[in-house]
Amino acid sequence: MSKAQLNRTKIASLGSDDSQCHILHIDMDAFYASVEVRANPSLAGKPVIVGGTQGRGVVVAATYEARAFGIHAAMPMSRALRLCPQAVVVAADHAQYAEVSRQLYQILISITPYVETLALDEAFLDISGSIKLLGRPVEIATKLRAQIKSQLALTASVGVASNKFLAKLASTYAKPYGLLLIPEQKKIEFLHPLPVGALWGVGEKTEIKLKELGLNLIGDIAKLPIETLNRIVGEGVAAHIYELCWGIDDREVVTTEVEKSIGNETTFGEDLFEATEVEAQILRLVDQVAARLRNRDLSAKTICLKIRFHDFTTITRSKTISSYTHNTQEINQIARQLYRNLNLQRARIRLIGVRAESLQPTNQANFQPTLDQPDLGWPEAEIAVDQARAKFGVAAIKPARLISEQD
């Protein structure tokens, strides 16, 4: 049974009792692609693919029109275009996605302060304290979807349930632009007919192993003695899976966890080997990463450089500094030096990545200005750049060294 079919058949039968359902999971619909369509309305209704425009590029996101051709994230762009030659390919604009994500977060915290972000486009909300003021859970979810549509001109799907696992599952089966409630007393009825792959922690290999033993549905696993499941997948995984089979998930919505890292990487259509070209690409990636840090009010203490060679050998190097930064120039100096320290002699480079780690909210991070640091400088300039990009687009301003690049 497809998700759409399950959605149509299950919503009516599950009922409307949301009295114990204080967890919402919100998931934006085809987020990156939808932001691109919003920016260029002429793309509406067309198969749009966001991702690398070079031969070795990969799909980052796709509209539902493109997904109908079998296109999905992480697919090589060359294969995606074979499946749908008429697709419109748009380069990813991560700074713009981060800005829209920031706007989304402001909407979410207007509902409840208990928001746990999972990615730019999805989050859990604990609305226990909002029900008296804003209404029943389904009412809050309905208002939230309408608010996002009104303020962001984007759509979201929302799952409503008693815990995080069920709420996330509900939003998945509600897509696109749907709302699905799983009442607490109906959770087993909903869960047990689903395929085992719907369980968190059941990856592709585990799913194959379970299906080889005739365990195709969640209900099949729920009927097993836990000792049998231990022998199949191991004690730790077995205990986790078994609880989920019965809709048990005691994890709370965590609001204090800071993102662990922010990064960007790119695969080139042709291998790079000239140092000047490599350093230009490092600067381009640093510019994107630093902008995303500032957009999310975060600063980093560790900078990582990732390089993949033509034979797919991959190396990473990192440096931890004494204080935090979200400054493009400072991050670029570190990443560039990491590259130079490798002392590569015209090695053929297939991929470069830059990542900022050990993150802290900027207002909690310690900065150590130098004695010769001017009162105004790069930080103020970069804030002005961010504001201009938010208004005119990410291509409006970029480092002088990258001016010659094709937008």
Protein backbone atom coordinates (compact mmCIF):
# COMPACT_ATOMS: atom_id res chain seq x y z
CA MET A 1 0.00 0.00 0.00
CA SER A 2 1.43 3.42 -0.95
CA LYS A 3 1.71 6.25 1.56
CA ALA A 4 -0.99 8.20 -0.27
CA GLN A 5 -3.34 5.21 -0.18
CA LEU A 6 -2.58 4.56 3.48
CA ASN A 7 -3.20 8.23 4.22
CA ARG A 8 -6.63 8.16 2.58
CA THR A 9 -7.72 4.91 4.20
CA LYS A 10 -6.29 5.43 7.65
CA ILE A 11 -7.21 9.02 8.54
CA ALA A 12 -10.92 8.29 8.75
CA SER A 13 -10.49 5.06 10.72
CA LEU A 14 -8.02 6.38 13.28
CA GLY A 15 -10.49 8.82 14.81
CA SER A 16 -10.02 12.34 16.16
CA ASP A 17 -9.04 11.89 19.83
CA ASP A 18 -5.90 14.03 20.20
CA SER A 19 -6.15 14.35 23.99
CA GLN A 20 -2.80 12.60 24.64
CA CYS A 21 -1.02 13.89 21.53
CA HIS A 22 1.23 16.76 22.60
CA ILE A 23 4.09 16.18 20.14
CA LEU A 24 4.11 17.66 16.64
CA HIS A 25 6.60 16.89 13.90
CA ILE A 26 6.74 19.47 11.14
CA ASP A 27 8.41 18.65 7.84
CA MET A 28 8.55 21.17 5.01
CA ASP A 29 7.47 19.79 1.64
CA ALA A 30 10.36 19.48 -0.87
CA PHE A 31 11.97 22.36 1.00
CA TYR A 32 14.96 23.37 -1.14
CA ALA A 33 13.06 22.87 -4.38
CA SER A 34 10.01 24.74 -3.05
CA VAL A 35 12.17 27.72 -2.07
CA GLU A 36 13.56 27.80 -5.61
CA VAL A 37 10.06 27.66 -7.12
CA ARG A 38 8.96 30.46 -4.79
CA ALA A 39 11.89 32.56 -6.03
CA ASN A 40 11.02 31.79 -9.66
CA PRO A 41 7.24 31.21 -10.01
CA SER A 42 7.66 30.25 -13.68
CA LEU A 43 9.00 26.90 -12.37
CA ALA A 44 5.69 26.03 -10.66
CA GLY A 45 4.31 22.69 -11.82
CA LYS A 46 7.56 21.71 -13.56
CA PRO A 47 10.01 18.95 -12.61
CA VAL A 48 12.71 20.95 -10.82
CA ILE A 49 15.94 19.46 -9.52
CA VAL A 50 18.22 21.27 -7.08
CA GLY A 51 21.84 20.23 -7.13
CA GLY A 52 25.15 20.22 -8.92
CA THR A 53 24.99 21.36 -12.51
CA GLN A 54 28.28 19.67 -13.44
CA GLY A 55 28.52 16.14 -14.82
CA ARG A 56 29.44 14.65 -11.43
CA GLY A 57 26.90 16.68 -9.52
CA VAL A 58 24.29 15.04 -7.33
CA VAL A 59 20.65 15.76 -6.62
CA VAL A 60 20.12 17.75 -3.42
CA ALA A 61 16.34 18.01 -3.70
CA ALA A 62 13.53 17.70 -6.23
CA THR A 63 9.95 18.85 -6.61
CA TYR A 64 7.20 16.23 -6.46
CA GLU A 65 6.82 16.57 -10.23
CA ALA A 66 10.46 15.44 -10.57
CA ARG A 67 10.09 12.71 -7.95
CA ALA A 68 7.35 11.16 -10.06
CA PHE A 69 10.13 10.13 -12.48
CA GLY A 70 12.00 8.29 -9.72
CA ILE A 71 14.39 11.13 -8.91
CA HIS A 72 15.56 11.41 -5.30
CA ALA A 73 18.20 13.12 -3.18
CA ALA A 74 21.81 11.88 -3.51
CA MET A 75 21.14 10.47 -6.98
CA PRO A 76 23.83 11.36 -9.56
CA MET A 77 22.59 14.29 -11.62
CA SER A 78 23.48 12.48 -14.83
CA ARG A 79 21.12 9.64 -13.94
CA ALA A 80 18.37 12.06 -12.86
CA LEU A 81 18.51 13.81 -16.21
CA ARG A 82 18.32 10.49 -18.02
CA LEU A 83 15.14 9.73 -16.10
CA CYS A 84 13.70 13.18 -16.79
CA PRO A 85 15.50 15.03 -19.61
CA GLN A 86 13.02 17.91 -19.46
CA ALA A 87 13.81 18.68 -15.81
CA VAL A 88 14.97 22.17 -14.85
CA VAL A 89 18.21 22.05 -12.85
CA VAL A 90 18.86 24.83 -10.32
CA ALA A 91 22.06 25.30 -8.34
CA ALA A 92 21.58 25.06 -4.57
CA ASP A 93 21.40 28.37 -2.68
CA HIS A 94 22.26 27.30 0.87
CA ALA A 95 22.37 30.83 2.25
CA GLN A 96 18.79 31.38 1.11
CA TYR A 97 17.64 28.06 2.58
CA ALA A 98 19.25 28.95 5.91
CA GLU A 99 17.46 32.31 5.93
CA VAL A 100 14.07 30.71 5.23
CA SER A 101 14.82 28.14 7.94
CA ARG A 102 15.48 30.98 10.38
CA GLN A 103 12.12 32.50 9.48
CA LEU A 104 10.45 29.12 9.96
CA TYR A 105 12.02 28.77 13.40
CA GLN A 106 10.56 32.14 14.43
CA ILE A 107 7.10 30.86 13.50
CA LEU A 108 7.62 27.64 15.47
CA ILE A 109 8.75 29.35 18.66
CA SER A 110 5.71 31.63 18.46
CA ILE A 111 3.71 28.42 19.10
CA THR A 112 5.93 26.97 21.85
CA PRO A 113 9.45 27.53 23.18
CA TYR A 114 9.96 23.75 23.15
CA VAL A 115 11.28 23.29 19.62
CA GLU A 116 13.90 20.71 18.62
CA THR A 117 15.27 21.33 15.14
CA LEU A 118 16.44 18.26 13.21
CA ALA A 119 17.45 20.01 9.99
CA LEU A 120 16.77 23.24 8.15
CA ASP A 121 13.32 21.96 7.19
CA GLU A 122 12.03 19.84 10.06
CA ALA A 123 11.51 20.04 13.81
CA PHE A 124 9.70 18.54 16.79
CA LEU A 125 7.43 20.69 18.96
CA ASP A 126 6.17 19.90 22.45
CA ILE A 127 2.90 21.83 22.70
CA SER A 128 1.86 20.65 26.18
CA GLY A 129 1.96 24.19 27.53
CA SER A 130 0.25 25.76 24.52
CA ILE A 131 -2.99 23.78 24.50
CA LYS A 132 -4.91 25.97 26.98
CA LEU A 133 -4.04 29.11 25.06
CA LEU A 134 -4.11 27.92 21.44
CA GLY A 135 -6.54 25.00 21.42
CA ARG A 136 -6.35 21.26 20.89
CA PRO A 137 -3.29 19.69 19.23
CA VAL A 138 -4.93 19.24 15.83
CA GLU A 139 -6.15 22.84 15.93
CA ILE A 140 -2.62 24.03 16.70
CA ALA A 141 -1.19 21.92 13.88
CA THR A 142 -3.80 23.30 11.47
CA LYS A 143 -3.02 26.89 12.48
CA LEU A 144 0.70 26.23 12.17
CA ARG A 145 0.42 24.95 8.61
CA ALA A 146 -1.74 27.93 7.66
CA GLN A 147 0.72 30.35 9.25
CA ILE A 148 3.64 28.86 7.33
CA LYS A 149 1.68 29.02 4.08
CA SER A 150 0.70 32.64 4.72
CA GLN A 151 4.06 33.99 5.93
CA LEU A 152 6.52 31.90 3.90
CA ALA A 153 4.45 30.96 0.84
CA LEU A 154 5.61 27.36 1.42
CA THR A 155 3.80 24.22 2.52
CA ALA A 156 4.48 21.84 5.39
CA SER A 157 3.21 18.45 6.52
CA VAL A 158 2.57 17.85 10.21
CA GLY A 159 2.32 14.70 12.29
CA VAL A 160 0.46 14.77 15.62
CA ALA A 161 1.03 12.00 18.17
CA SER A 162 1.96 11.13 21.74
CA ASN A 163 5.72 10.75 21.09
CA LYS A 164 8.48 11.70 18.66
CA PHE A 165 8.64 8.42 16.75
CA LEU A 166 4.93 8.37 16.01
CA ALA A 167 4.78 12.09 15.18
CA LYS A 168 7.62 11.81 12.65
CA LEU A 169 6.04 8.73 11.13
CA ALA A 170 2.72 10.58 10.88
CA SER A 171 4.23 13.55 9.03
CA THR A 172 5.92 11.16 6.58
CA TYR A 173 2.60 9.51 5.71
CA ALA A 174 0.86 12.90 5.57
CA LYS A 175 3.02 14.20 2.70
CA PRO A 176 2.67 16.29 0.73
CA TYR A 177 0.93 19.17 2.52
CA GLY A 178 -1.06 17.01 4.87
CA LEU A 179 -1.83 16.58 8.55
CA LEU A 180 -2.08 13.17 10.19
CA LEU A 181 -3.10 12.43 13.77
CA ILE A 182 -2.25 9.10 15.36
CA PRO A 183 -4.44 8.84 18.48
CA GLU A 184 -2.70 7.08 21.37
CA GLN A 185 -5.35 4.35 21.56
CA LYS A 186 -5.02 3.70 17.81
CA LYS A 187 -1.23 3.61 17.51
CA ILE A 188 -0.94 -0.20 17.31
CA GLU A 189 -3.64 -0.31 14.65
CA PHE A 190 -1.63 2.20 12.64
CA LEU A 191 1.83 0.73 13.24
CA HIS A 192 1.52 -3.01 12.80
CA PRO A 193 0.50 -3.06 9.10
CA LEU A 194 3.52 -0.88 8.15
CA PRO A 195 6.69 -2.33 6.59
CA VAL A 196 9.62 -2.98 8.94
CA GLY A 197 11.64 -0.29 7.14
CA ALA A 198 9.41 2.34 8.77
CA LEU A 199 11.11 1.69 12.13
CA TRP A 200 13.90 4.03 13.22
CA GLY A 201 17.10 2.05 13.46
CA VAL A 202 16.17 -0.45 10.75
CA GLY A 203 18.56 0.31 7.92
CA GLU A 204 18.74 -1.37 4.55
CA LYS A 205 20.87 -4.31 5.71
CA THR A 206 18.76 -4.99 8.79
CA GLU A 207 15.58 -4.75 6.72
CA ILE A 208 16.90 -7.35 4.26
CA LYS A 209 17.86 -9.67 7.13
CA LEU A 210 14.41 -9.37 8.70
CA LYS A 211 12.58 -9.92 5.42
CA GLU A 212 14.67 -13.01 4.66
CA LEU A 213 13.19 -14.45 7.86
CA GLY A 214 9.65 -13.58 6.80
CA LEU A 215 9.43 -10.52 9.05
CA ASN A 216 7.96 -8.05 6.56
CA LEU A 217 5.66 -5.97 8.76
CA ILE A 218 6.10 -4.20 12.09
CA GLY A 219 3.39 -6.46 13.47
CA ASP A 220 5.49 -9.52 12.58
CA ILE A 221 8.34 -8.27 14.76
CA ALA A 222 5.99 -7.33 17.58
CA LYS A 223 4.85 -10.96 17.84
CA LEU A 224 8.41 -12.28 18.29
CA PRO A 225 9.80 -13.13 21.73
CA ILE A 226 12.44 -10.52 22.56
CA GLU A 227 15.03 -13.33 22.94
CA THR A 228 14.50 -14.30 19.31
CA LEU A 229 14.88 -10.70 18.17
CA ASN A 230 18.10 -10.43 20.23
CA ARG A 231 19.59 -13.30 18.26
CA ILE A 232 18.62 -11.71 14.94
CA VAL A 233 19.81 -8.11 15.38
CA GLY A 234 21.66 -8.01 18.72
CA GLU A 235 20.42 -7.02 22.17
CA GLY A 236 20.83 -3.23 21.90
CA VAL A 237 19.07 -2.89 18.56
CA ALA A 238 16.46 -5.48 19.52
CA ALA A 239 15.35 -3.58 22.62
CA HIS A 240 15.07 -0.34 20.65
CA ILE A 241 13.13 -1.91 17.77
CA TYR A 242 10.83 -3.87 20.05
CA GLU A 243 9.71 -0.76 21.92
CA LEU A 244 9.05 1.10 18.69
CA CYS A 245 6.95 -1.82 17.44
CA TRP A 246 4.59 -1.08 20.30
CA GLY A 247 4.70 2.69 19.82
CA ILE A 248 6.90 3.32 22.86
CA ASP A 249 9.33 6.25 22.66
CA ASP A 250 10.20 8.12 25.87
CA ARG A 251 12.55 10.70 24.36
CA GLU A 252 11.72 14.30 25.21
CA VAL A 253 11.85 17.27 22.86
CA VAL A 254 15.32 18.72 23.42
CA THR A 255 15.58 22.47 22.96
CA THR A 256 19.13 23.19 24.16
CA GLU A 257 21.17 21.07 21.75
CA VAL A 258 23.28 23.15 19.37
CA GLU A 259 23.89 21.95 15.82
CA LYS A 260 27.04 19.82 15.80
CA SER A 261 28.39 21.11 12.50
CA ILE A 262 27.64 23.14 9.39
CA GLY A 263 29.35 22.34 6.12
CA ASN A 264 29.26 22.42 2.36
CA GLU A 265 31.02 20.30 -0.24
CA THR A 266 31.10 20.10 -4.00
CA THR A 267 32.03 17.47 -6.59
CA PHE A 268 33.66 18.83 -9.74
CA GLY A 269 32.78 17.91 -13.30
CA GLU A 270 36.50 17.81 -14.07
CA ASP A 271 39.28 17.10 -11.58
CA LEU A 272 41.12 20.13 -10.19
CA PHE A 273 44.88 20.14 -9.81
CA GLU A 274 45.95 23.80 -9.98
CA ALA A 275 46.45 25.27 -6.50
CA THR A 276 44.85 28.59 -7.48
CA GLU A 277 41.68 26.81 -8.65
CA VAL A 278 41.55 24.69 -5.49
CA GLU A 279 41.96 27.71 -3.22
CA ALA A 280 39.24 29.58 -5.14
CA GLN A 281 36.86 26.67 -4.56
CA ILE A 282 37.81 26.55 -0.88
CA LEU A 283 36.95 30.26 -0.61
CA ARG A 284 33.60 29.68 -2.32
CA LEU A 285 32.72 26.92 0.14
CA VAL A 286 33.95 28.94 3.13
CA ASP A 287 31.80 31.86 2.01
CA GLN A 288 28.73 29.59 2.05
CA VAL A 289 29.56 27.99 5.41
CA ALA A 290 30.31 31.29 7.15
CA ALA A 291 27.06 32.80 5.84
CA ARG A 292 25.11 29.82 7.18
CA LEU A 293 26.80 30.19 10.58
CA ARG A 294 25.85 33.86 10.78
CA ASN A 295 22.30 33.20 9.58
CA ARG A 296 21.83 30.72 12.41
CA ASP A 297 23.62 32.93 14.97
CA LEU A 298 26.32 30.29 15.49
CA SER A 299 30.11 30.41 15.72
CA ALA A 300 32.69 27.63 15.33
CA LYS A 301 35.90 26.66 17.04
CA THR A 302 37.03 23.87 14.70
CA ILE A 303 37.40 24.10 10.92
CA CYS A 304 37.66 20.95 8.80
CA LEU A 305 38.80 20.49 5.22
CA LYS A 306 37.82 17.40 3.23
CA ILE A 307 39.47 16.41 -0.06
CA ARG A 308 38.61 13.45 -2.27
CA PHE A 309 41.01 12.51 -5.05
CA HIS A 310 40.28 11.09 -8.50
CA ASP A 311 40.66 7.51 -7.19
CA PHE A 312 38.08 8.24 -4.42
CA THR A 313 40.74 8.28 -1.68
CA THR A 314 39.49 10.80 0.87
CA ILE A 315 41.39 12.74 3.54
CA THR A 316 40.27 15.23 6.17
CA ARG A 317 42.26 17.77 8.13
CA SER A 318 41.06 20.04 10.90
CA LYS A 319 42.24 22.84 13.16
CA THR A 320 40.79 23.98 16.48
CA ILE A 321 41.38 27.63 17.32
CA SER A 322 41.53 29.38 20.67
CA SER A 323 38.28 31.33 20.26
CA TYR A 324 35.11 31.08 18.21
CA THR A 325 34.51 32.62 14.79
CA HIS A 326 31.94 33.02 12.04
CA ASN A 327 34.18 35.32 10.02
CA THR A 328 34.64 34.40 6.36
CA GLN A 329 38.20 35.73 6.15
CA GLU A 330 39.37 33.94 9.27
CA ILE A 331 37.77 30.61 8.31
CA ASN A 332 39.23 30.89 4.81
CA GLN A 333 42.74 31.48 6.17
CA ILE A 334 42.45 28.33 8.28
CA ALA A 335 41.00 26.14 5.49
CA ARG A 336 43.52 27.43 2.96
CA GLN A 337 46.42 26.70 5.30
CA LEU A 338 45.09 23.18 5.92
CA TYR A 339 45.21 22.65 2.16
CA ARG A 340 48.68 24.14 1.78
CA ASN A 341 50.01 21.96 4.61
CA LEU A 342 49.14 18.89 2.53
CA ASN A 343 51.80 19.96 0.02
CA LEU A 344 49.97 18.32 -2.86
CA GLN A 345 51.82 18.31 -6.15
CA ARG A 346 49.15 18.75 -8.83
CA ALA A 347 47.10 15.93 -7.37
CA ARG A 348 43.80 15.41 -9.16
CA ILE A 349 41.01 16.50 -6.82
CA ARG A 350 37.45 15.33 -7.35
CA LEU A 351 35.70 16.81 -4.31
CA ILE A 352 36.33 19.54 -1.73
CA GLY A 353 34.38 20.09 1.48
CA VAL A 354 34.59 22.67 4.26
CA ARG A 355 32.93 22.12 7.62
CA ALA A 356 32.65 24.18 10.81
CA GLU A 357 32.42 22.16 14.03
CA SER A 358 32.35 22.67 17.83
CA LEU A 359 29.53 25.18 17.44
CA GLN A 360 28.12 27.56 20.02
CA PRO A 361 25.42 30.23 19.85
CA THR A 362 27.30 33.41 19.01
CA ASN A 363 26.01 35.22 22.10
CA GLN A 364 27.54 32.46 24.28
CA ALA A 365 30.83 32.06 22.40
CA ASN A 366 34.04 33.70 23.57
CA PHE A 367 35.85 35.95 21.11
CA GLN A 368 39.40 37.19 21.59
CA PRO A 369 40.01 40.44 19.70
CA THR A 370 43.62 41.33 18.93
CA LEU A 371 45.27 44.57 20.05
CA ASP A 372 45.47 45.87 16.49
CA GLN A 373 41.88 44.99 15.60
CA PRO A 374 39.98 48.07 14.30
CA ASP A 375 36.65 49.15 15.81
CA LEU A 376 34.95 48.37 12.49
CA GLY A 377 36.12 45.78 10.00
CA TRP A 378 35.27 42.42 8.42
CA PRO A 379 32.46 41.45 10.87
CA GLU A 380 30.50 44.61 10.07
CA ALA A 381 31.20 44.22 6.34
CA GLU A 382 29.97 40.62 6.39
CA ILE A 383 26.77 41.60 8.18
CA ALA A 384 26.14 44.12 5.40
CA VAL A 385 26.84 41.42 2.80
CA ASP A 386 24.40 39.03 4.50
CA GLN A 387 21.71 41.72 4.50
CA ALA A 388 22.27 42.47 0.81
CA ARG A 389 22.12 38.79 -0.09
CA ALA A 390 18.91 38.31 1.88
CA LYS A 391 17.35 41.14 -0.12
CA PHE A 392 18.82 40.62 -3.59
CA GLY A 393 19.89 36.94 -3.61
CA VAL A 394 23.08 35.07 -2.79
CA ALA A 395 24.72 35.97 -6.12
CA ALA A 396 24.35 39.72 -5.51
CA ILE A 397 27.67 39.97 -3.66
CA LYS A 398 30.56 37.54 -3.52
CA PRO A 399 34.31 37.61 -2.86
CA ALA A 400 36.28 39.46 -5.56
CA ARG A 401 38.28 36.34 -6.30
CA LEU A 402 35.09 34.57 -7.36
CA ILE A 403 33.70 37.35 -9.56
CA SER A 404 34.81 35.58 -12.72
CA GLU A 405 32.85 32.42 -11.80
CA GLN A 406 29.63 31.69 -13.63
CA ASP A 407 26.61 32.21 -11.39
